[in-house]
Amino acid sequence: METRETLLDEIEEQLTEKREEADVKIIQRPSYGAEFPRLKLTDKGLNHRVYFDYKNSEIYVFAVRHRENAYTTEDIEEAVQRLEKLR
C-alpha cells in the first residue's frame, strides 16, 4: 500500500507541479500503431514507468509498470488496448 501511495503522489507531482522537469518521453511503437507519453519515476525508491495520454486537456494514466515488467511485448499490447479504449 505504501508503494501505491508513493506512486500516486509522485505521478501527481511530476505531471502537474514539476511538468517541465519530469522525465517524459514519447514511446513510439509503429508495429502496434501506437504513440504515447511515458513518465519515468526513479525517486523515493521507485523504478516505475507510467503510460499516460491527454484527452480534453486532462491527463489520463492508463498503465503503471515496474521497470522489470515494462516494455515487454505483453506490456505494450495491453497498454495499446487500454490506450485505444481511452481514445
Protein backbone atom coordinates (compact mmCIF):
# COMPACT_ATOMS: atom_id res chain seq x y z
CA MET A 1 0.00 0.00 0.00
CA GLU A 2 2.91 2.34 0.72
CA THR A 3 4.31 1.92 -2.79
CA ARG A 4 0.88 2.68 -4.24
CA GLU A 5 0.59 5.91 -2.27
CA THR A 6 4.13 6.92 -3.18
CA LEU A 7 3.40 6.23 -6.85
CA LEU A 8 0.21 8.27 -6.81
CA ASP A 9 1.93 11.18 -5.06
CA GLU A 10 4.86 11.12 -7.50
CA ILE A 11 2.63 10.89 -10.57
CA GLU A 12 0.60 13.86 -9.43
CA GLU A 13 3.68 15.89 -8.53
CA GLN A 14 5.59 15.12 -11.73
CA LEU A 15 2.69 15.63 -14.13
CA THR A 16 1.33 18.79 -12.53
CA GLU A 17 3.77 20.69 -10.33
CA LYS A 18 7.08 19.69 -11.97
CA ARG A 19 5.93 19.12 -15.53
CA GLU A 20 8.93 20.90 -17.14
CA GLU A 21 11.40 18.84 -15.08
CA ALA A 22 9.66 15.48 -15.44
CA ASP A 23 11.39 12.63 -17.27
CA VAL A 24 8.79 12.26 -20.02
CA LYS A 25 9.49 10.54 -23.32
CA ILE A 26 7.23 9.68 -26.23
CA ILE A 27 7.02 5.92 -26.72
CA GLN A 28 6.58 5.00 -30.37
CA ARG A 29 5.56 1.51 -31.38
CA PRO A 30 4.72 1.69 -35.11
CA SER A 31 4.10 -2.05 -35.33
CA TYR A 32 1.18 -1.51 -32.92
CA GLY A 33 0.16 1.82 -34.38
CA ALA A 34 0.78 3.42 -31.01
CA GLU A 35 2.44 6.54 -29.72
CA PHE A 36 2.04 7.79 -26.15
CA PRO A 37 3.90 9.70 -23.42
CA ARG A 38 5.78 7.80 -20.72
CA LEU A 39 6.85 9.20 -17.36
CA LYS A 40 9.85 7.57 -15.69
CA LEU A 41 9.75 7.54 -11.88
CA THR A 42 13.04 6.73 -10.16
CA ASP A 43 12.93 8.81 -6.96
CA LYS A 44 11.87 7.66 -3.49
CA GLY A 45 12.76 4.02 -4.16
CA LEU A 46 10.58 3.79 -7.26
CA ASN A 47 11.59 2.28 -10.57
CA HIS A 48 8.33 2.56 -12.48
CA ARG A 49 7.07 3.66 -15.87
CA VAL A 50 3.77 5.50 -16.18
CA TYR A 51 1.98 5.49 -19.52
CA PHE A 52 -0.45 8.36 -19.95
CA ASP A 53 -2.24 10.45 -22.52
CA TYR A 54 -4.12 13.72 -22.75
CA LYS A 55 -7.80 13.97 -23.55
CA ASN A 56 -9.81 17.18 -23.40
CA SER A 57 -6.93 18.90 -21.57
CA GLU A 58 -6.94 16.21 -18.87
CA ILE A 59 -4.19 13.72 -18.06
CA TYR A 60 -5.25 10.07 -18.11
CA VAL A 61 -2.92 7.41 -16.74
CA PHE A 62 -3.65 4.09 -18.41
CA ALA A 63 -0.78 1.92 -17.12
CA VAL A 64 1.82 1.89 -14.35
CA ARG A 65 4.57 -0.71 -14.58
CA HIS A 66 7.65 -1.60 -12.60
CA ARG A 67 10.69 -1.32 -14.86
CA GLU A 68 11.16 -5.10 -14.82
CA ASN A 69 7.73 -5.54 -16.43
CA ALA A 70 7.74 -2.52 -18.74
CA TYR A 71 8.31 -2.61 -22.49
CA THR A 72 7.69 -6.33 -22.93
CA THR A 73 5.50 -7.48 -25.81
CA GLU A 74 2.69 -8.32 -23.38
CA ASP A 75 3.02 -4.95 -21.65
CA ILE A 76 2.89 -2.96 -24.87
CA GLU A 77 -0.06 -4.99 -26.21
CA GLU A 78 -2.05 -4.38 -23.03
CA ALA A 79 -1.08 -0.71 -22.93
CA VAL A 80 -2.17 -0.23 -26.55
CA GLN A 81 -5.55 -1.87 -25.81
CA ARG A 82 -6.07 0.46 -22.86
CA LEU A 83 -5.00 3.47 -24.91
CA GLU A 84 -7.47 2.58 -27.68
CA LYS A 85 -10.31 2.42 -25.13
CA LEU A 86 -9.27 5.80 -23.76
CA ARG A 87 -9.20 7.48 -27.15
